[in-house]
PDB file of all heavy atoms in Angstrom:
ATOM      1  N   ALA A   1     105.252 108.732  82.355  1.00  0.00           N
ATOM      2  CA  ALA A   1     104.188 107.731  82.406  1.00  0.00           C
ATOM      3  C   ALA A   1     104.686 106.486  81.691  1.00  0.00           C
ATOM      4  O   ALA A   1     105.237 106.572  80.590  1.00  0.00           O
ATOM      5  CB  ALA A   1     102.909 108.253  81.757  1.00  0.00           C
ATOM      6  N   LEU A   2     104.500 105.350  82.311  1.00  0.00           N
ATOM      7  CA  LEU A   2     105.014 104.082  81.797  1.00  0.00           C
ATOM      8  C   LEU A   2     103.940 103.015  81.971  1.00  0.00           C
ATOM      9  O   LEU A   2     103.536 102.707  83.087  1.00  0.00           O
ATOM     10  CB  LEU A   2     106.272 103.693  82.582  1.00  0.00           C
ATOM     11  CG  LEU A   2     107.057 102.466  82.151  1.00  0.00           C
ATOM     12  CD1 LEU A   2     107.720 102.704  80.800  1.00  0.00           C
ATOM     13  CD2 LEU A   2     108.113 102.122  83.201  1.00  0.00           C
ATOM     14  N   ALA A   3     103.473 102.465  80.847  1.00  0.00           N
ATOM     15  CA  ALA A   3     102.464 101.405  80.896  1.00  0.00           C
ATOM     16  C   ALA A   3     103.138 100.070  80.589  1.00  0.00           C
ATOM     17  O   ALA A   3     103.822  99.932  79.572  1.00  0.00           O
ATOM     18  CB  ALA A   3     101.354 101.673  79.892  1.00  0.00           C
ATOM     19  N   CYS A   4     102.950  99.102  81.462  1.00  0.00           N
ATOM     20  CA  CYS A   4     103.560  97.768  81.317  1.00  0.00           C
ATOM     21  C   CYS A   4     102.446  96.722  81.347  1.00  0.00           C
ATOM     22  O   CYS A   4     102.064  96.247  82.435  1.00  0.00           O
ATOM     23  CB  CYS A   4     104.550  97.524  82.443  1.00  0.00           C
ATOM     24  SG  CYS A   4     105.895  98.731  82.557  1.00  0.00           S
ATOM     25  N   PRO A   5     101.926  96.333  80.181  1.00  0.00           N
ATOM     26  CA  PRO A   5     100.753  95.447  80.141  1.00  0.00           C
ATOM     27  C   PRO A   5     100.969  94.052  80.715  1.00  0.00           C
ATOM     28  O   PRO A   5      99.999  93.403  81.120  1.00  0.00           O
ATOM     29  CB  PRO A   5     100.433  95.376  78.642  1.00  0.00           C
ATOM     30  CG  PRO A   5     100.972  96.650  78.081  1.00  0.00           C
ATOM     31  CD  PRO A   5     102.235  96.891  78.856  1.00  0.00           C
ATOM     32  N   GLU A   6     102.213  93.554  80.756  1.00  0.00           N
ATOM     33  CA  GLU A   6     102.471  92.198  81.243  1.00  0.00           C
ATOM     34  C   GLU A   6     103.169  92.179  82.599  1.00  0.00           C
ATOM     35  O   GLU A   6     103.533  91.116  83.087  1.00  0.00           O
ATOM     36  CB  GLU A   6     103.318  91.432  80.223  1.00  0.00           C
ATOM     37  CG  GLU A   6     102.674  91.274  78.860  1.00  0.00           C
ATOM     38  CD  GLU A   6     101.383  90.471  78.906  1.00  0.00           C
ATOM     39  OE1 GLU A   6     101.254  89.590  79.788  1.00  0.00           O
ATOM     40  OE2 GLU A   6     100.489  90.734  78.075  1.00  0.00           O
ATOM     41  N   PHE A   7     103.316  93.340  83.214  1.00  0.00           N
ATOM     42  CA  PHE A   7     104.073  93.422  84.464  1.00  0.00           C
ATOM     43  C   PHE A   7     103.150  93.252  85.665  1.00  0.00           C
ATOM     44  O   PHE A   7     102.034  93.775  85.697  1.00  0.00           O
ATOM     45  CB  PHE A   7     104.787  94.770  84.565  1.00  0.00           C
ATOM     46  CG  PHE A   7     105.713  94.881  85.744  1.00  0.00           C
ATOM     47  CD1 PHE A   7     106.933  94.238  85.739  1.00  0.00           C
ATOM     48  CD2 PHE A   7     105.347  95.617  86.862  1.00  0.00           C
ATOM     49  CE1 PHE A   7     107.793  94.343  86.833  1.00  0.00           C
ATOM     50  CE2 PHE A   7     106.193  95.723  87.949  1.00  0.00           C
ATOM     51  CZ  PHE A   7     107.427  95.080  87.930  1.00  0.00           C
ATOM     52  N   SER A   8     103.630  92.519  86.649  1.00  0.00           N
ATOM     53  CA  SER A   8     102.868  92.328  87.888  1.00  0.00           C
ATOM     54  C   SER A   8     103.816  92.338  89.069  1.00  0.00           C
ATOM     55  O   SER A   8     105.020  92.109  88.929  1.00  0.00           O
ATOM     56  CB  SER A   8     102.081  91.017  87.861  1.00  0.00           C
ATOM     57  OG  SER A   8     102.959  89.913  87.729  1.00  0.00           O
ATOM     58  N   VAL A   9     103.286  92.627  90.221  1.00  0.00           N
ATOM     59  CA  VAL A   9     104.031  92.659  91.472  1.00  0.00           C
ATOM     60  C   VAL A   9     103.347  91.710  92.441  1.00  0.00           C
ATOM     61  O   VAL A   9     102.107  91.703  92.520  1.00  0.00           O
ATOM     62  CB  VAL A   9     104.060  94.094  92.055  1.00  0.00           C
ATOM     63  CG1 VAL A   9     104.816  94.138  93.367  1.00  0.00           C
ATOM     64  CG2 VAL A   9     104.694  95.050  91.052  1.00  0.00           C
ATOM     65  N   PRO A  10     104.110  90.885  93.165  1.00  0.00           N
ATOM     66  CA  PRO A  10     103.487  89.891  94.049  1.00  0.00           C
ATOM     67  C   PRO A  10     102.444  90.443  95.007  1.00  0.00           C
ATOM     68  O   PRO A  10     101.439  89.789  95.287  1.00  0.00           O
ATOM     69  CB  PRO A  10     104.695  89.320  94.808  1.00  0.00           C
ATOM     70  CG  PRO A  10     105.836  89.467  93.858  1.00  0.00           C
ATOM     71  CD  PRO A  10     105.573  90.755  93.134  1.00  0.00           C
ATOM     72  N   CYS A  11     102.646  91.672  95.506  1.00  0.00           N
ATOM     73  CA  CYS A  11     101.704  92.227  96.489  1.00  0.00           C
ATOM     74  C   CYS A  11     100.490  92.887  95.847  1.00  0.00           C
ATOM     75  O   CYS A  11      99.612  93.384  96.553  1.00  0.00           O
ATOM     76  CB  CYS A  11     102.418  93.223  97.395  1.00  0.00           C
ATOM     77  SG  CYS A  11     103.079  94.665  96.525  1.00  0.00           S
ATOM     78  N   MET A  12     100.441  92.914  94.493  1.00  0.00           N
ATOM     79  CA  MET A  12      99.310  93.511  93.795  1.00  0.00           C
ATOM     80  C   MET A  12      98.582  92.451  92.980  1.00  0.00           C
ATOM     81  O   MET A  12      99.210  91.560  92.404  1.00  0.00           O
ATOM     82  CB  MET A  12      99.777  94.649  92.878  1.00  0.00           C
ATOM     83  CG  MET A  12     100.444  95.794  93.606  1.00  0.00           C
ATOM     84  SD  MET A  12     100.990  97.115  92.458  1.00  0.00           S
ATOM     85  CE  MET A  12     101.834  98.222  93.594  1.00  0.00           C
ATOM     86  N   ALA A  13      97.272  92.550  92.912  1.00  0.00           N
ATOM     87  CA  ALA A  13      96.477  91.522  92.246  1.00  0.00           C
ATOM     88  C   ALA A  13      96.534  91.606  90.728  1.00  0.00           C
ATOM     89  O   ALA A  13      96.341  90.608  90.035  1.00  0.00           O
ATOM     90  CB  ALA A  13      95.022  91.615  92.714  1.00  0.00           C
ATOM     91  N   ASP A  14      96.791  92.798  90.201  1.00  0.00           N
ATOM     92  CA  ASP A  14      96.664  93.017  88.761  1.00  0.00           C
ATOM     93  C   ASP A  14      97.930  92.672  87.989  1.00  0.00           C
ATOM     94  O   ASP A  14      99.040  92.937  88.441  1.00  0.00           O
ATOM     95  CB  ASP A  14      96.321  94.480  88.481  1.00  0.00           C
ATOM     96  CG  ASP A  14      94.950  94.862  89.011  1.00  0.00           C
ATOM     97  OD1 ASP A  14      94.862  95.230  90.204  1.00  0.00           O
ATOM     98  OD2 ASP A  14      93.999  94.785  88.239  1.00  0.00           O
ATOM     99  N   THR A  15      97.747  92.109  86.789  1.00  0.00           N
ATOM    100  CA  THR A  15      98.789  92.071  85.777  1.00  0.00           C
ATOM    101  C   THR A  15      98.485  93.189  84.797  1.00  0.00           C
ATOM    102  O   THR A  15      97.387  93.251  84.243  1.00  0.00           O
ATOM    103  CB  THR A  15      98.813  90.723  85.044  1.00  0.00           C
ATOM    104  OG1 THR A  15      99.174  89.687  85.968  1.00  0.00           O
ATOM    105  CG2 THR A  15      99.825  90.745  83.902  1.00  0.00           C
ATOM    106  N   GLY A  16      99.456  94.058  84.601  1.00  0.00           N
ATOM    107  CA  GLY A  16      99.240  95.249  83.786  1.00  0.00           C
ATOM    108  C   GLY A  16      99.129  96.468  84.667  1.00  0.00           C
ATOM    109  O   GLY A  16      98.142  96.642  85.395  1.00  0.00           O
ATOM    110  N   LEU A  17     100.180  97.316  84.633  1.00  0.00           N
ATOM    111  CA  LEU A  17     100.221  98.494  85.497  1.00  0.00           C
ATOM    112  C   LEU A  17     100.594  99.736  84.696  1.00  0.00           C
ATOM    113  O   LEU A  17     101.285  99.646  83.680  1.00  0.00           O
ATOM    114  CB  LEU A  17     101.250  98.309  86.618  1.00  0.00           C
ATOM    115  CG  LEU A  17     101.028  97.166  87.611  1.00  0.00           C
ATOM    116  CD1 LEU A  17     102.229  97.075  88.556  1.00  0.00           C
ATOM    117  CD2 LEU A  17      99.746  97.364  88.388  1.00  0.00           C
ATOM    118  N   VAL A  18     100.123 100.884  85.166  1.00  0.00           N
ATOM    119  CA  VAL A  18     100.608 102.180  84.700  1.00  0.00           C
ATOM    120  C   VAL A  18     101.361 102.809  85.861  1.00  0.00           C
ATOM    121  O   VAL A  18     100.808 102.954  86.957  1.00  0.00           O
ATOM    122  CB  VAL A  18      99.466 103.108  84.249  1.00  0.00           C
ATOM    123  CG1 VAL A  18     100.029 104.464  83.821  1.00  0.00           C
ATOM    124  CG2 VAL A  18      98.681 102.488  83.112  1.00  0.00           C
ATOM    125  N   LEU A  19     102.613 103.132  85.639  1.00  0.00           N
ATOM    126  CA  LEU A  19     103.429 103.799  86.646  1.00  0.00           C
ATOM    127  C   LEU A  19     103.645 105.235  86.186  1.00  0.00           C
ATOM    128  O   LEU A  19     103.827 105.490  84.992  1.00  0.00           O
ATOM    129  CB  LEU A  19     104.778 103.097  86.817  1.00  0.00           C
ATOM    130  CG  LEU A  19     104.738 101.613  87.216  1.00  0.00           C
ATOM    131  CD1 LEU A  19     104.671 100.724  85.964  1.00  0.00           C
ATOM    132  CD2 LEU A  19     105.945 101.231  88.045  1.00  0.00           C
ATOM    133  N   PHE A  20     103.671 106.187  87.128  1.00  0.00           N
ATOM    134  CA  PHE A  20     103.799 107.578  86.727  1.00  0.00           C
ATOM    135  C   PHE A  20     104.439 108.409  87.833  1.00  0.00           C
ATOM    136  O   PHE A  20     104.458 108.010  89.006  1.00  0.00           O
ATOM    137  CB  PHE A  20     102.446 108.163  86.317  1.00  0.00           C
ATOM    138  CG  PHE A  20     101.366 108.041  87.358  1.00  0.00           C
ATOM    139  CD1 PHE A  20     101.163 109.053  88.293  1.00  0.00           C
ATOM    140  CD2 PHE A  20     100.535 106.928  87.406  1.00  0.00           C
ATOM    141  CE1 PHE A  20     100.159 108.960  89.253  1.00  0.00           C
ATOM    142  CE2 PHE A  20      99.533 106.827  88.355  1.00  0.00           C
ATOM    143  CZ  PHE A  20      99.338 107.834  89.278  1.00  0.00           C
ATOM    144  N   ALA A  21     104.963 109.551  87.426  1.00  0.00           N
ATOM    145  CA  ALA A  21     105.641 110.430  88.387  1.00  0.00           C
ATOM    146  C   ALA A  21     105.729 111.839  87.845  1.00  0.00           C
ATOM    147  O   ALA A  21     105.758 112.059  86.635  1.00  0.00           O
ATOM    148  CB  ALA A  21     107.049 109.905  88.684  1.00  0.00           C
ATOM    149  N   VAL A  22     105.760 112.796  88.754  1.00  0.00           N
ATOM    150  CA  VAL A  22     106.107 114.180  88.483  1.00  0.00           C
ATOM    151  C   VAL A  22     107.311 114.501  89.354  1.00  0.00           C
ATOM    152  O   VAL A  22     107.352 114.109  90.532  1.00  0.00           O
ATOM    153  CB  VAL A  22     104.946 115.144  88.810  1.00  0.00           C
ATOM    154  CG1 VAL A  22     105.401 116.589  88.718  1.00  0.00           C
ATOM    155  CG2 VAL A  22     103.771 114.905  87.889  1.00  0.00           C
ATOM    156  N   ARG A  23     108.295 115.173  88.784  1.00  0.00           N
ATOM    157  CA  ARG A  23     109.493 115.493  89.569  1.00  0.00           C
ATOM    158  C   ARG A  23     109.110 116.255  90.836  1.00  0.00           C
ATOM    159  O   ARG A  23     108.429 117.266  90.797  1.00  0.00           O
ATOM    160  CB  ARG A  23     110.476 116.313  88.737  1.00  0.00           C
ATOM    161  CG  ARG A  23     111.772 116.662  89.490  1.00  0.00           C
ATOM    162  CD  ARG A  23     112.847 117.161  88.568  1.00  0.00           C
ATOM    163  NE  ARG A  23     113.295 116.119  87.650  1.00  0.00           N
ATOM    164  CZ  ARG A  23     114.184 115.159  87.962  1.00  0.00           C
ATOM    165  NH1 ARG A  23     114.702 115.114  89.182  1.00  0.00           N
ATOM    166  NH2 ARG A  23     114.531 114.257  87.059  1.00  0.00           N
ATOM    167  N   GLY A  24     109.543 115.733  91.959  1.00  0.00           N
ATOM    168  CA  GLY A  24     109.249 116.334  93.248  1.00  0.00           C
ATOM    169  C   GLY A  24     107.922 115.912  93.841  1.00  0.00           C
ATOM    170  O   GLY A  24     107.585 116.313  94.961  1.00  0.00           O
ATOM    171  N   GLY A  25     107.166 115.080  93.114  1.00  0.00           N
ATOM    172  CA  GLY A  25     105.832 114.698  93.595  1.00  0.00           C
ATOM    173  C   GLY A  25     105.656 113.232  93.921  1.00  0.00           C
ATOM    174  O   GLY A  25     104.545 112.779  94.219  1.00  0.00           O
ATOM    175  N   GLY A  26     106.733 112.445  93.867  1.00  0.00           N
ATOM    176  CA  GLY A  26     106.623 111.024  94.165  1.00  0.00           C
ATOM    177  C   GLY A  26     106.216 110.209  92.952  1.00  0.00           C
ATOM    178  O   GLY A  26     105.893 110.745  91.890  1.00  0.00           O
ATOM    179  N   ALA A  27     106.254 108.892  93.107  1.00  0.00           N
ATOM    180  CA  ALA A  27     105.886 107.965  92.037  1.00  0.00           C
ATOM    181  C   ALA A  27     104.719 107.105  92.491  1.00  0.00           C
ATOM    182  O   ALA A  27     104.608 106.751  93.673  1.00  0.00           O
ATOM    183  CB  ALA A  27     107.077 107.079  91.666  1.00  0.00           C
ATOM    184  N   TYR A  28     103.864 106.754  91.540  1.00  0.00           N
ATOM    185  CA  TYR A  28     102.638 106.034  91.854  1.00  0.00           C
ATOM    186  C   TYR A  28     102.346 105.002  90.773  1.00  0.00           C
ATOM    187  O   TYR A  28     102.895 105.056  89.667  1.00  0.00           O
ATOM    188  CB  TYR A  28     101.459 107.011  91.959  1.00  0.00           C
ATOM    189  CG  TYR A  28     101.615 108.018  93.063  1.00  0.00           C
ATOM    190  CD1 TYR A  28     102.371 109.178  92.880  1.00  0.00           C
ATOM    191  CD2 TYR A  28     101.031 107.805  94.305  1.00  0.00           C
ATOM    192  CE1 TYR A  28     102.532 110.097  93.901  1.00  0.00           C
ATOM    193  CE2 TYR A  28     101.190 108.726  95.335  1.00  0.00           C
ATOM    194  CZ  TYR A  28     101.942 109.865  95.128  1.00  0.00           C
ATOM    195  OH  TYR A  28     102.108 110.765  96.144  1.00  0.00           O
ATOM    196  N   THR A  29     101.449 104.085  91.096  1.00  0.00           N
ATOM    197  CA  THR A  29     101.008 103.109  90.111  1.00  0.00           C
ATOM    198  C   THR A  29      99.517 102.860  90.252  1.00  0.00           C
ATOM    199  O   THR A  29      98.937 103.043  91.342  1.00  0.00           O
ATOM    200  CB  THR A  29     101.774 101.777  90.248  1.00  0.00           C
ATOM    201  OG1 THR A  29     101.409 100.913  89.167  1.00  0.00           O
ATOM    202  CG2 THR A  29     101.441 101.072  91.565  1.00  0.00           C
ATOM    203  N   THR A  30      98.924 102.459  89.145  1.00  0.00           N
ATOM    204  CA  THR A  30      97.502 102.128  89.120  1.00  0.00           C
ATOM    205  C   THR A  30      97.310 101.015  88.095  1.00  0.00           C
ATOM    206  O   THR A  30      98.116 100.888  87.161  1.00  0.00           O
ATOM    207  CB  THR A  30      96.665 103.373  88.755  1.00  0.00           C
ATOM    208  OG1 THR A  30      95.277 103.093  88.930  1.00  0.00           O
ATOM    209  CG2 THR A  30      96.905 103.802  87.326  1.00  0.00           C
ATOM    210  N   PRO A  31      96.290 100.172  88.231  1.00  0.00           N
ATOM    211  CA  PRO A  31      96.082  99.112  87.243  1.00  0.00           C
ATOM    212  C   PRO A  31      95.838  99.679  85.852  1.00  0.00           C
ATOM    213  O   PRO A  31      95.225 100.738  85.698  1.00  0.00           O
ATOM    214  CB  PRO A  31      94.842  98.383  87.767  1.00  0.00           C
ATOM    215  CG  PRO A  31      94.814  98.665  89.235  1.00  0.00           C
ATOM    216  CD  PRO A  31      95.344 100.066  89.366  1.00  0.00           C
ATOM    217  N   LEU A  32      96.314  98.951  84.855  1.00  0.00           N
ATOM    218  CA  LEU A  32      96.131  99.379  83.474  1.00  0.00           C
ATOM    219  C   LEU A  32      94.714  99.107  82.982  1.00  0.00           C
ATOM    220  O   LEU A  32      94.133  99.928  82.272  1.00  0.00           O
ATOM    221  CB  LEU A  32      97.136  98.646  82.575  1.00  0.00           C
ATOM    222  CG  LEU A  32      96.969  98.811  81.055  1.00  0.00           C
ATOM    223  CD1 LEU A  32      97.100 100.269  80.637  1.00  0.00           C
ATOM    224  CD2 LEU A  32      98.000  97.940  80.322  1.00  0.00           C
ATOM    225  N   PHE A  33      94.150  97.970  83.358  1.00  0.00           N
ATOM    226  CA  PHE A  33      92.916  97.507  82.727  1.00  0.00           C
ATOM    227  C   PHE A  33      91.651  97.751  83.549  1.00  0.00           C
ATOM    228  O   PHE A  33      90.573  97.306  83.175  1.00  0.00           O
ATOM    229  CB  PHE A  33      93.029  96.009  82.403  1.00  0.00           C
ATOM    230  CG  PHE A  33      94.141  95.694  81.438  1.00  0.00           C
ATOM    231  CD1 PHE A  33      95.289  95.043  81.877  1.00  0.00           C
ATOM    232  CD2 PHE A  33      94.054  96.065  80.109  1.00  0.00           C
ATOM    233  CE1 PHE A  33      96.321  94.748  80.993  1.00  0.00           C
ATOM    234  CE2 PHE A  33      95.082  95.784  79.215  1.00  0.00           C
ATOM    235  CZ  PHE A  33      96.211  95.117  79.660  1.00  0.00           C
ATOM    236  N   ARG A  34      91.775  98.460  84.670  1.00  0.00           N
ATOM    237  CA  ARG A  34      90.582  98.803  85.449  1.00  0.00           C
ATOM    238  C   ARG A  34      90.842 100.094  86.209  1.00  0.00           C
ATOM    239  O   ARG A  34      91.992 100.492  86.424  1.00  0.00           O
ATOM    240  CB  ARG A  34      90.210  97.674  86.420  1.00  0.00           C
ATOM    241  CG  ARG A  34      91.215  97.445  87.530  1.00  0.00           C
ATOM    242  CD  ARG A  34      90.794  96.306  88.446  1.00  0.00           C
ATOM    243  NE  ARG A  34      91.792  96.091  89.506  1.00  0.00           N
ATOM    244  CZ  ARG A  34      91.762  96.697  90.700  1.00  0.00           C
ATOM    245  NH1 ARG A  34      90.794  97.562  90.983  1.00  0.00           N
ATOM    246  NH2 ARG A  34      92.695  96.446  91.609  1.00  0.00           N
TER     247      ARG A  34
END
């Protein structure tokens, strides 16, 4: 689990993301502040 409060991606509206993964289960992201 990796939280990046100042990170943003052009195709996503939010600044601040939580990225996470389980081995063999893929990687995902969700907004940090909502």
